[in-house]
mmCIF file of all heavy atoms, coordinates in Angstrom:
data_MODEL
# 
_entry.id   MODEL 
# 
loop_
_atom_site.group_PDB 
_atom_site.id 
_atom_site.type_symbol 
_atom_site.label_atom_id 
_atom_site.label_alt_id 
_atom_site.label_comp_id 
_atom_site.label_asym_id 
_atom_site.label_entity_id 
_atom_site.label_seq_id 
_atom_site.pdbx_PDB_ins_code 
_atom_site.Cartn_x 
_atom_site.Cartn_y 
_atom_site.Cartn_z 
_atom_site.occupancy 
_atom_site.B_iso_or_equiv 
_atom_site.pdbx_formal_charge 
_atom_site.auth_seq_id 
_atom_site.auth_comp_id 
_atom_site.auth_asym_id 
_atom_site.auth_atom_id 
_atom_site.pdbx_PDB_model_num 
ATOM 1   N N   . GLU A 1 1  ? 241.795 96.837 112.199 1.00 0.00 ? 1  GLU A N   1 
ATOM 2   C CA  . GLU A 1 1  ? 240.731 96.687 113.193 1.00 0.00 ? 1  GLU A CA  1 
ATOM 3   C C   . GLU A 1 1  ? 241.147 95.792 114.360 1.00 0.00 ? 1  GLU A C   1 
ATOM 4   O O   . GLU A 1 1  ? 240.495 95.795 115.406 1.00 0.00 ? 1  GLU A O   1 
ATOM 5   C CB  . GLU A 1 1  ? 239.475 96.125 112.539 1.00 0.00 ? 1  GLU A CB  1 
ATOM 6   C CG  . GLU A 1 1  ? 238.814 97.092 111.552 1.00 0.00 ? 1  GLU A CG  1 
ATOM 7   C CD  . GLU A 1 1  ? 237.540 96.521 110.967 1.00 0.00 ? 1  GLU A CD  1 
ATOM 8   O OE1 . GLU A 1 1  ? 237.247 95.322 111.222 1.00 0.00 ? 1  GLU A OE1 1 
ATOM 9   O OE2 . GLU A 1 1  ? 236.849 97.255 110.256 1.00 0.00 ? 1  GLU A OE2 1 
ATOM 10  N N   . ASP A 1 2  ? 242.229 95.011 114.181 1.00 0.00 ? 2  ASP A N   1 
ATOM 11  C CA  . ASP A 1 2  ? 242.674 94.102 115.231 1.00 0.00 ? 2  ASP A CA  1 
ATOM 12  C C   . ASP A 1 2  ? 243.614 94.754 116.237 1.00 0.00 ? 2  ASP A C   1 
ATOM 13  O O   . ASP A 1 2  ? 244.009 94.111 117.219 1.00 0.00 ? 2  ASP A O   1 
ATOM 14  C CB  . ASP A 1 2  ? 243.386 92.891 114.612 1.00 0.00 ? 2  ASP A CB  1 
ATOM 15  C CG  . ASP A 1 2  ? 242.455 92.011 113.814 1.00 0.00 ? 2  ASP A CG  1 
ATOM 16  O OD1 . ASP A 1 2  ? 241.314 91.811 114.266 1.00 0.00 ? 2  ASP A OD1 1 
ATOM 17  O OD2 . ASP A 1 2  ? 242.864 91.540 112.728 1.00 0.00 ? 2  ASP A OD2 1 
ATOM 18  N N   . ILE A 1 3  ? 243.992 95.998 116.014 1.00 0.00 ? 3  ILE A N   1 
ATOM 19  C CA  . ILE A 1 3  ? 244.930 96.658 116.921 1.00 0.00 ? 3  ILE A CA  1 
ATOM 20  C C   . ILE A 1 3  ? 244.391 96.609 118.352 1.00 0.00 ? 3  ILE A C   1 
ATOM 21  O O   . ILE A 1 3  ? 243.240 96.951 118.614 1.00 0.00 ? 3  ILE A O   1 
ATOM 22  C CB  . ILE A 1 3  ? 245.175 98.117 116.484 1.00 0.00 ? 3  ILE A CB  1 
ATOM 23  C CG1 . ILE A 1 3  ? 245.963 98.140 115.164 1.00 0.00 ? 3  ILE A CG1 1 
ATOM 24  C CG2 . ILE A 1 3  ? 245.941 98.893 117.558 1.00 0.00 ? 3  ILE A CG2 1 
ATOM 25  C CD1 . ILE A 1 3  ? 246.111 99.518 114.566 1.00 0.00 ? 3  ILE A CD1 1 
ATOM 26  N N   . GLY A 1 4  ? 245.238 96.144 119.258 1.00 0.00 ? 4  GLY A N   1 
ATOM 27  C CA  . GLY A 1 4  ? 244.861 96.011 120.661 1.00 0.00 ? 4  GLY A CA  1 
ATOM 28  C C   . GLY A 1 4  ? 244.350 94.634 121.035 1.00 0.00 ? 4  GLY A C   1 
ATOM 29  O O   . GLY A 1 4  ? 244.274 94.299 122.222 1.00 0.00 ? 4  GLY A O   1 
ATOM 30  N N   . ARG A 1 5  ? 243.995 93.809 120.043 1.00 0.00 ? 5  ARG A N   1 
ATOM 31  C CA  . ARG A 1 5  ? 243.505 92.459 120.320 1.00 0.00 ? 5  ARG A CA  1 
ATOM 32  C C   . ARG A 1 5  ? 244.671 91.500 120.548 1.00 0.00 ? 5  ARG A C   1 
ATOM 33  O O   . ARG A 1 5  ? 245.764 91.702 119.997 1.00 0.00 ? 5  ARG A O   1 
ATOM 34  C CB  . ARG A 1 5  ? 242.685 91.926 119.148 1.00 0.00 ? 5  ARG A CB  1 
ATOM 35  C CG  . ARG A 1 5  ? 241.380 92.633 118.886 1.00 0.00 ? 5  ARG A CG  1 
ATOM 36  C CD  . ARG A 1 5  ? 240.665 91.970 117.718 1.00 0.00 ? 5  ARG A CD  1 
ATOM 37  N NE  . ARG A 1 5  ? 240.253 90.599 118.034 1.00 0.00 ? 5  ARG A NE  1 
ATOM 38  C CZ  . ARG A 1 5  ? 239.837 89.717 117.119 1.00 0.00 ? 5  ARG A CZ  1 
ATOM 39  N NH1 . ARG A 1 5  ? 239.808 90.049 115.822 1.00 0.00 ? 5  ARG A NH1 1 
ATOM 40  N NH2 . ARG A 1 5  ? 239.474 88.507 117.471 1.00 0.00 ? 5  ARG A NH2 1 
ATOM 41  N N   . PRO A 1 6  ? 244.471 90.437 121.312 1.00 0.00 ? 6  PRO A N   1 
ATOM 42  C CA  . PRO A 1 6  ? 245.504 89.397 121.398 1.00 0.00 ? 6  PRO A CA  1 
ATOM 43  C C   . PRO A 1 6  ? 245.801 88.830 120.003 1.00 0.00 ? 6  PRO A C   1 
ATOM 44  O O   . PRO A 1 6  ? 244.876 88.549 119.237 1.00 0.00 ? 6  PRO A O   1 
ATOM 45  C CB  . PRO A 1 6  ? 244.861 88.341 122.296 1.00 0.00 ? 6  PRO A CB  1 
ATOM 46  C CG  . PRO A 1 6  ? 243.880 89.101 123.124 1.00 0.00 ? 6  PRO A CG  1 
ATOM 47  C CD  . PRO A 1 6  ? 243.336 90.163 122.216 1.00 0.00 ? 6  PRO A CD  1 
ATOM 48  N N   . LYS A 1 7  ? 247.054 88.673 119.688 1.00 0.00 ? 7  LYS A N   1 
ATOM 49  C CA  . LYS A 1 7  ? 247.419 88.190 118.360 1.00 0.00 ? 7  LYS A CA  1 
ATOM 50  C C   . LYS A 1 7  ? 246.847 86.805 118.073 1.00 0.00 ? 7  LYS A C   1 
ATOM 51  O O   . LYS A 1 7  ? 246.468 86.510 116.935 1.00 0.00 ? 7  LYS A O   1 
ATOM 52  C CB  . LYS A 1 7  ? 248.943 88.167 118.197 1.00 0.00 ? 7  LYS A CB  1 
ATOM 53  C CG  . LYS A 1 7  ? 249.571 89.543 118.041 1.00 0.00 ? 7  LYS A CG  1 
ATOM 54  C CD  . LYS A 1 7  ? 251.058 89.435 117.771 1.00 0.00 ? 7  LYS A CD  1 
ATOM 55  C CE  . LYS A 1 7  ? 251.676 90.814 117.565 1.00 0.00 ? 7  LYS A CE  1 
ATOM 56  N NZ  . LYS A 1 7  ? 253.139 90.724 117.316 1.00 0.00 ? 7  LYS A NZ  1 
ATOM 57  N N   . VAL A 1 8  ? 246.790 85.951 119.092 1.00 0.00 ? 8  VAL A N   1 
ATOM 58  C CA  . VAL A 1 8  ? 246.296 84.597 118.839 1.00 0.00 ? 8  VAL A CA  1 
ATOM 59  C C   . VAL A 1 8  ? 244.819 84.614 118.462 1.00 0.00 ? 8  VAL A C   1 
ATOM 60  O O   . VAL A 1 8  ? 244.363 83.804 117.648 1.00 0.00 ? 8  VAL A O   1 
ATOM 61  C CB  . VAL A 1 8  ? 246.547 83.667 120.045 1.00 0.00 ? 8  VAL A CB  1 
ATOM 62  C CG1 . VAL A 1 8  ? 248.037 83.423 120.235 1.00 0.00 ? 8  VAL A CG1 1 
ATOM 63  C CG2 . VAL A 1 8  ? 245.905 84.205 121.321 1.00 0.00 ? 8  VAL A CG2 1 
ATOM 64  N N   . GLU A 1 9  ? 244.062 85.538 119.036 1.00 0.00 ? 9  GLU A N   1 
ATOM 65  C CA  . GLU A 1 9  ? 242.644 85.641 118.694 1.00 0.00 ? 9  GLU A CA  1 
ATOM 66  C C   . GLU A 1 9  ? 242.464 86.150 117.272 1.00 0.00 ? 9  GLU A C   1 
ATOM 67  O O   . GLU A 1 9  ? 241.645 85.628 116.504 1.00 0.00 ? 9  GLU A O   1 
ATOM 68  C CB  . GLU A 1 9  ? 241.924 86.571 119.681 1.00 0.00 ? 9  GLU A CB  1 
ATOM 69  C CG  . GLU A 1 9  ? 241.790 86.012 121.077 1.00 0.00 ? 9  GLU A CG  1 
ATOM 70  C CD  . GLU A 1 9  ? 241.000 86.927 121.986 1.00 0.00 ? 9  GLU A CD  1 
ATOM 71  O OE1 . GLU A 1 9  ? 240.416 87.922 121.485 1.00 0.00 ? 9  GLU A OE1 1 
ATOM 72  O OE2 . GLU A 1 9  ? 240.961 86.671 123.208 1.00 0.00 ? 9  GLU A OE2 1 
ATOM 73  N N   . SER A 1 10 ? 243.212 87.182 116.918 1.00 0.00 ? 10 SER A N   1 
ATOM 74  C CA  . SER A 1 10 ? 243.138 87.726 115.560 1.00 0.00 ? 10 SER A CA  1 
ATOM 75  C C   . SER A 1 10 ? 243.559 86.680 114.538 1.00 0.00 ? 10 SER A C   1 
ATOM 76  O O   . SER A 1 10 ? 242.903 86.497 113.508 1.00 0.00 ? 10 SER A O   1 
ATOM 77  C CB  . SER A 1 10 ? 244.046 88.956 115.453 1.00 0.00 ? 10 SER A CB  1 
ATOM 78  O OG  . SER A 1 10 ? 244.174 89.390 114.117 1.00 0.00 ? 10 SER A OG  1 
ATOM 79  N N   . ALA A 1 11 ? 244.657 85.971 114.831 1.00 0.00 ? 11 ALA A N   1 
ATOM 80  C CA  . ALA A 1 11 ? 245.158 84.955 113.908 1.00 0.00 ? 11 ALA A CA  1 
ATOM 81  C C   . ALA A 1 11 ? 244.149 83.828 113.738 1.00 0.00 ? 11 ALA A C   1 
ATOM 82  O O   . ALA A 1 11 ? 243.867 83.381 112.623 1.00 0.00 ? 11 ALA A O   1 
ATOM 83  C CB  . ALA A 1 11 ? 246.493 84.404 114.409 1.00 0.00 ? 11 ALA A CB  1 
ATOM 84  N N   . ALA A 1 12 ? 243.590 83.351 114.844 1.00 0.00 ? 12 ALA A N   1 
ATOM 85  C CA  . ALA A 1 12 ? 242.626 82.254 114.780 1.00 0.00 ? 12 ALA A CA  1 
ATOM 86  C C   . ALA A 1 12 ? 241.399 82.638 113.968 1.00 0.00 ? 12 ALA A C   1 
ATOM 87  O O   . ALA A 1 12 ? 240.878 81.833 113.181 1.00 0.00 ? 12 ALA A O   1 
ATOM 88  C CB  . ALA A 1 12 ? 242.217 81.843 116.191 1.00 0.00 ? 12 ALA A CB  1 
ATOM 89  N N   . GLU A 1 13 ? 240.939 83.859 114.127 1.00 0.00 ? 13 GLU A N   1 
ATOM 90  C CA  . GLU A 1 13 ? 239.771 84.332 113.380 1.00 0.00 ? 13 GLU A CA  1 
ATOM 91  C C   . GLU A 1 13 ? 240.035 84.331 111.882 1.00 0.00 ? 13 GLU A C   1 
ATOM 92  O O   . GLU A 1 13 ? 239.196 83.902 111.078 1.00 0.00 ? 13 GLU A O   1 
ATOM 93  C CB  . GLU A 1 13 ? 239.401 85.727 113.854 1.00 0.00 ? 13 GLU A CB  1 
ATOM 94  C CG  . GLU A 1 13 ? 238.133 86.283 113.250 1.00 0.00 ? 13 GLU A CG  1 
ATOM 95  C CD  . GLU A 1 13 ? 237.784 87.639 113.836 1.00 0.00 ? 13 GLU A CD  1 
ATOM 96  O OE1 . GLU A 1 13 ? 237.264 87.677 114.964 1.00 0.00 ? 13 GLU A OE1 1 
ATOM 97  O OE2 . GLU A 1 13 ? 238.056 88.662 113.169 1.00 0.00 ? 13 GLU A OE2 1 
ATOM 98  N N   . THR A 1 14 ? 241.222 84.799 111.488 1.00 0.00 ? 14 THR A N   1 
ATOM 99  C CA  . THR A 1 14 ? 241.583 84.832 110.072 1.00 0.00 ? 14 THR A CA  1 
ATOM 100 C C   . THR A 1 14 ? 241.712 83.422 109.512 1.00 0.00 ? 14 THR A C   1 
ATOM 101 O O   . THR A 1 14 ? 241.253 83.126 108.399 1.00 0.00 ? 14 THR A O   1 
ATOM 102 C CB  . THR A 1 14 ? 242.896 85.594 109.867 1.00 0.00 ? 14 THR A CB  1 
ATOM 103 O OG1 . THR A 1 14 ? 242.759 86.920 110.398 1.00 0.00 ? 14 THR A OG1 1 
ATOM 104 C CG2 . THR A 1 14 ? 243.269 85.688 108.393 1.00 0.00 ? 14 THR A CG2 1 
ATOM 105 N N   . MET A 1 15 ? 242.338 82.526 110.269 1.00 0.00 ? 15 MET A N   1 
ATOM 106 C CA  . MET A 1 15 ? 242.532 81.163 109.817 1.00 0.00 ? 15 MET A CA  1 
ATOM 107 C C   . MET A 1 15 ? 241.206 80.434 109.645 1.00 0.00 ? 15 MET A C   1 
ATOM 108 O O   . MET A 1 15 ? 240.996 79.718 108.667 1.00 0.00 ? 15 MET A O   1 
ATOM 109 C CB  . MET A 1 15 ? 243.437 80.419 110.807 1.00 0.00 ? 15 MET A CB  1 
ATOM 110 C CG  . MET A 1 15 ? 244.860 80.949 110.857 1.00 0.00 ? 15 MET A CG  1 
ATOM 111 S SD  . MET A 1 15 ? 245.723 80.527 112.385 1.00 0.00 ? 15 MET A SD  1 
ATOM 112 C CE  . MET A 1 15 ? 245.929 78.773 112.188 1.00 0.00 ? 15 MET A CE  1 
ATOM 113 N N   . LYS A 1 16 ? 240.285 80.625 110.580 1.00 0.00 ? 16 LYS A N   1 
ATOM 114 C CA  . LYS A 1 16 ? 238.981 79.963 110.491 1.00 0.00 ? 16 LYS A CA  1 
ATOM 115 C C   . LYS A 1 16 ? 238.146 80.537 109.356 1.00 0.00 ? 16 LYS A C   1 
ATOM 116 O O   . LYS A 1 16 ? 237.367 79.814 108.717 1.00 0.00 ? 16 LYS A O   1 
ATOM 117 C CB  . LYS A 1 16 ? 238.226 80.104 111.817 1.00 0.00 ? 16 LYS A CB  1 
ATOM 118 C CG  . LYS A 1 16 ? 238.824 79.309 112.963 1.00 0.00 ? 16 LYS A CG  1 
ATOM 119 C CD  . LYS A 1 16 ? 238.727 77.807 112.738 1.00 0.00 ? 16 LYS A CD  1 
ATOM 120 C CE  . LYS A 1 16 ? 237.306 77.306 112.877 1.00 0.00 ? 16 LYS A CE  1 
ATOM 121 N NZ  . LYS A 1 16 ? 237.229 75.823 112.759 1.00 0.00 ? 16 LYS A NZ  1 
ATOM 122 N N   . ALA A 1 17 ? 238.320 81.852 109.088 1.00 0.00 ? 17 ALA A N   1 
ATOM 123 C CA  . ALA A 1 17 ? 237.609 82.455 107.962 1.00 0.00 ? 17 ALA A CA  1 
ATOM 124 C C   . ALA A 1 17 ? 238.129 81.905 106.643 1.00 0.00 ? 17 ALA A C   1 
ATOM 125 O O   . ALA A 1 17 ? 237.375 81.713 105.688 1.00 0.00 ? 17 ALA A O   1 
ATOM 126 C CB  . ALA A 1 17 ? 237.754 83.973 108.001 1.00 0.00 ? 17 ALA A CB  1 
ATOM 127 N N   . LEU A 1 18 ? 239.432 81.640 106.600 1.00 0.00 ? 18 LEU A N   1 
ATOM 128 C CA  . LEU A 1 18 ? 240.049 81.093 105.398 1.00 0.00 ? 18 LEU A CA  1 
ATOM 129 C C   . LEU A 1 18 ? 239.645 79.642 105.180 1.00 0.00 ? 18 LEU A C   1 
ATOM 130 O O   . LEU A 1 18 ? 239.354 79.218 104.056 1.00 0.00 ? 18 LEU A O   1 
ATOM 131 C CB  . LEU A 1 18 ? 241.574 81.213 105.501 1.00 0.00 ? 18 LEU A CB  1 
ATOM 132 C CG  . LEU A 1 18 ? 242.416 80.658 104.355 1.00 0.00 ? 18 LEU A CG  1 
ATOM 133 C CD1 . LEU A 1 18 ? 242.108 81.401 103.057 1.00 0.00 ? 18 LEU A CD1 1 
ATOM 134 C CD2 . LEU A 1 18 ? 243.900 80.780 104.694 1.00 0.00 ? 18 LEU A CD2 1 
ATOM 135 N N   . ASN A 1 19 ? 239.639 78.864 106.268 1.00 0.00 ? 19 ASN A N   1 
ATOM 136 C CA  . ASN A 1 19 ? 239.308 77.436 106.150 1.00 0.00 ? 19 ASN A CA  1 
ATOM 137 C C   . ASN A 1 19 ? 238.611 76.962 107.422 1.00 0.00 ? 19 ASN A C   1 
ATOM 138 O O   . ASN A 1 19 ? 239.262 76.632 108.424 1.00 0.00 ? 19 ASN A O   1 
ATOM 139 C CB  . ASN A 1 19 ? 240.570 76.612 105.916 1.00 0.00 ? 19 ASN A CB  1 
ATOM 140 C CG  . ASN A 1 19 ? 240.256 75.172 105.570 1.00 0.00 ? 19 ASN A CG  1 
ATOM 141 O OD1 . ASN A 1 19 ? 239.116 74.718 105.693 1.00 0.00 ? 19 ASN A OD1 1 
ATOM 142 N ND2 . ASN A 1 19 ? 241.265 74.434 105.140 1.00 0.00 ? 19 ASN A ND2 1 
ATOM 143 N N   . PRO A 1 20 ? 237.288 76.919 107.419 1.00 0.00 ? 20 PRO A N   1 
ATOM 144 C CA  . PRO A 1 20 ? 236.547 76.494 108.614 1.00 0.00 ? 20 PRO A CA  1 
ATOM 145 C C   . PRO A 1 20 ? 236.751 75.028 108.971 1.00 0.00 ? 20 PRO A C   1 
ATOM 146 O O   . PRO A 1 20 ? 236.329 74.596 110.050 1.00 0.00 ? 20 PRO A O   1 
ATOM 147 C CB  . PRO A 1 20 ? 235.086 76.770 108.240 1.00 0.00 ? 20 PRO A CB  1 
ATOM 148 C CG  . PRO A 1 20 ? 235.064 76.778 106.745 1.00 0.00 ? 20 PRO A CG  1 
ATOM 149 C CD  . PRO A 1 20 ? 236.393 77.315 106.311 1.00 0.00 ? 20 PRO A CD  1 
ATOM 150 N N   . ASN A 1 21 ? 237.401 74.252 108.109 1.00 0.00 ? 21 ASN A N   1 
ATOM 151 C CA  . ASN A 1 21 ? 237.639 72.835 108.395 1.00 0.00 ? 21 ASN A CA  1 
ATOM 152 C C   . ASN A 1 21 ? 238.722 72.622 109.444 1.00 0.00 ? 21 ASN A C   1 
ATOM 153 O O   . ASN A 1 21 ? 238.789 71.543 110.055 1.00 0.00 ? 21 ASN A O   1 
ATOM 154 C CB  . ASN A 1 21 ? 238.043 72.089 107.120 1.00 0.00 ? 21 ASN A CB  1 
ATOM 155 C CG  . ASN A 1 21 ? 236.947 72.084 106.077 1.00 0.00 ? 21 ASN A CG  1 
ATOM 156 O OD1 . ASN A 1 21 ? 235.778 71.974 106.400 1.00 0.00 ? 21 ASN A OD1 1 
ATOM 157 N ND2 . ASN A 1 21 ? 237.327 72.211 104.808 1.00 0.00 ? 21 ASN A ND2 1 
ATOM 158 N N   . VAL A 1 22 ? 239.604 73.604 109.637 1.00 0.00 ? 22 VAL A N   1 
ATOM 159 C CA  . VAL A 1 22 ? 240.732 73.407 110.542 1.00 0.00 ? 22 VAL A CA  1 
ATOM 160 C C   . VAL A 1 22 ? 240.328 73.704 111.980 1.00 0.00 ? 22 VAL A C   1 
ATOM 161 O O   . VAL A 1 22 ? 239.477 74.557 112.252 1.00 0.00 ? 22 VAL A O   1 
ATOM 162 C CB  . VAL A 1 22 ? 241.947 74.270 110.140 1.00 0.00 ? 22 VAL A CB  1 
ATOM 163 C CG1 . VAL A 1 22 ? 242.389 73.949 108.727 1.00 0.00 ? 22 VAL A CG1 1 
ATOM 164 C CG2 . VAL A 1 22 ? 241.651 75.747 110.296 1.00 0.00 ? 22 VAL A CG2 1 
ATOM 165 N N   . ASN A 1 23 ? 240.953 72.982 112.895 1.00 0.00 ? 23 ASN A N   1 
ATOM 166 C CA  . ASN A 1 23 ? 240.778 73.211 114.327 1.00 0.00 ? 23 ASN A CA  1 
ATOM 167 C C   . ASN A 1 23 ? 241.941 74.070 114.808 1.00 0.00 ? 23 ASN A C   1 
ATOM 168 O O   . ASN A 1 23 ? 243.099 73.662 114.695 1.00 0.00 ? 23 ASN A O   1 
ATOM 169 C CB  . ASN A 1 23 ? 240.752 71.875 115.073 1.00 0.00 ? 23 ASN A CB  1 
ATOM 170 C CG  . ASN A 1 23 ? 240.716 72.048 116.576 1.00 0.00 ? 23 ASN A CG  1 
ATOM 171 O OD1 . ASN A 1 23 ? 240.114 72.986 117.089 1.00 0.00 ? 23 ASN A OD1 1 
ATOM 172 N ND2 . ASN A 1 23 ? 241.371 71.144 117.284 1.00 0.00 ? 23 ASN A ND2 1 
ATOM 173 N N   . VAL A 1 24 ? 241.654 75.264 115.305 1.00 0.00 ? 24 VAL A N   1 
ATOM 174 C CA  . VAL A 1 24 ? 242.699 76.183 115.759 1.00 0.00 ? 24 VAL A CA  1 
ATOM 175 C C   . VAL A 1 24 ? 242.685 76.244 117.281 1.00 0.00 ? 24 VAL A C   1 
ATOM 176 O O   . VAL A 1 24 ? 241.652 76.531 117.894 1.00 0.00 ? 24 VAL A O   1 
ATOM 177 C CB  . VAL A 1 24 ? 242.511 77.595 115.175 1.00 0.00 ? 24 VAL A CB  1 
ATOM 178 C CG1 . VAL A 1 24 ? 243.649 78.508 115.643 1.00 0.00 ? 24 VAL A CG1 1 
ATOM 179 C CG2 . VAL A 1 24 ? 242.472 77.553 113.649 1.00 0.00 ? 24 VAL A CG2 1 
ATOM 180 N N   . LYS A 1 25 ? 243.831 75.952 117.884 1.00 0.00 ? 25 LYS A N   1 
ATOM 181 C CA  . LYS A 1 25 ? 243.975 76.035 119.331 1.00 0.00 ? 25 LYS A CA  1 
ATOM 182 C C   . LYS A 1 25 ? 244.891 77.211 119.653 1.00 0.00 ? 25 LYS A C   1 
ATOM 183 O O   . LYS A 1 25 ? 245.962 77.349 119.046 1.00 0.00 ? 25 LYS A O   1 
ATOM 184 C CB  . LYS A 1 25 ? 244.553 74.731 119.893 1.00 0.00 ? 25 LYS A CB  1 
ATOM 185 C CG  . LYS A 1 25 ? 243.704 73.509 119.586 1.00 0.00 ? 25 LYS A CG  1 
ATOM 186 C CD  . LYS A 1 25 ? 244.283 72.248 120.206 1.00 0.00 ? 25 LYS A CD  1 
ATOM 187 C CE  . LYS A 1 25 ? 244.181 72.274 121.710 1.00 0.00 ? 25 LYS A CE  1 
ATOM 188 N NZ  . LYS A 1 25 ? 244.604 70.960 122.299 1.00 0.00 ? 25 LYS A NZ  1 
ATOM 189 N N   . THR A 1 26 ? 244.489 78.052 120.577 1.00 0.00 ? 26 THR A N   1 
ATOM 190 C CA  . THR A 1 26 ? 245.267 79.251 120.896 1.00 0.00 ? 26 THR A CA  1 
ATOM 191 C C   . THR A 1 26 ? 245.884 79.151 122.286 1.00 0.00 ? 26 THR A C   1 
ATOM 192 O O   . THR A 1 26 ? 245.289 78.585 123.211 1.00 0.00 ? 26 THR A O   1 
ATOM 193 C CB  . THR A 1 26 ? 244.391 80.512 120.810 1.00 0.00 ? 26 THR A CB  1 
ATOM 194 O OG1 . THR A 1 26 ? 243.301 80.408 121.744 1.00 0.00 ? 26 THR A OG1 1 
ATOM 195 C CG2 . THR A 1 26 ? 243.839 80.695 119.405 1.00 0.00 ? 26 THR A CG2 1 
# 
């Protein structure tokens, strides 16, 4: 479903879903 999306946005979404405690900067 992420095809065509910026990789940093897709990665940040997955990381925050895994652990909402982390601060992700893209």
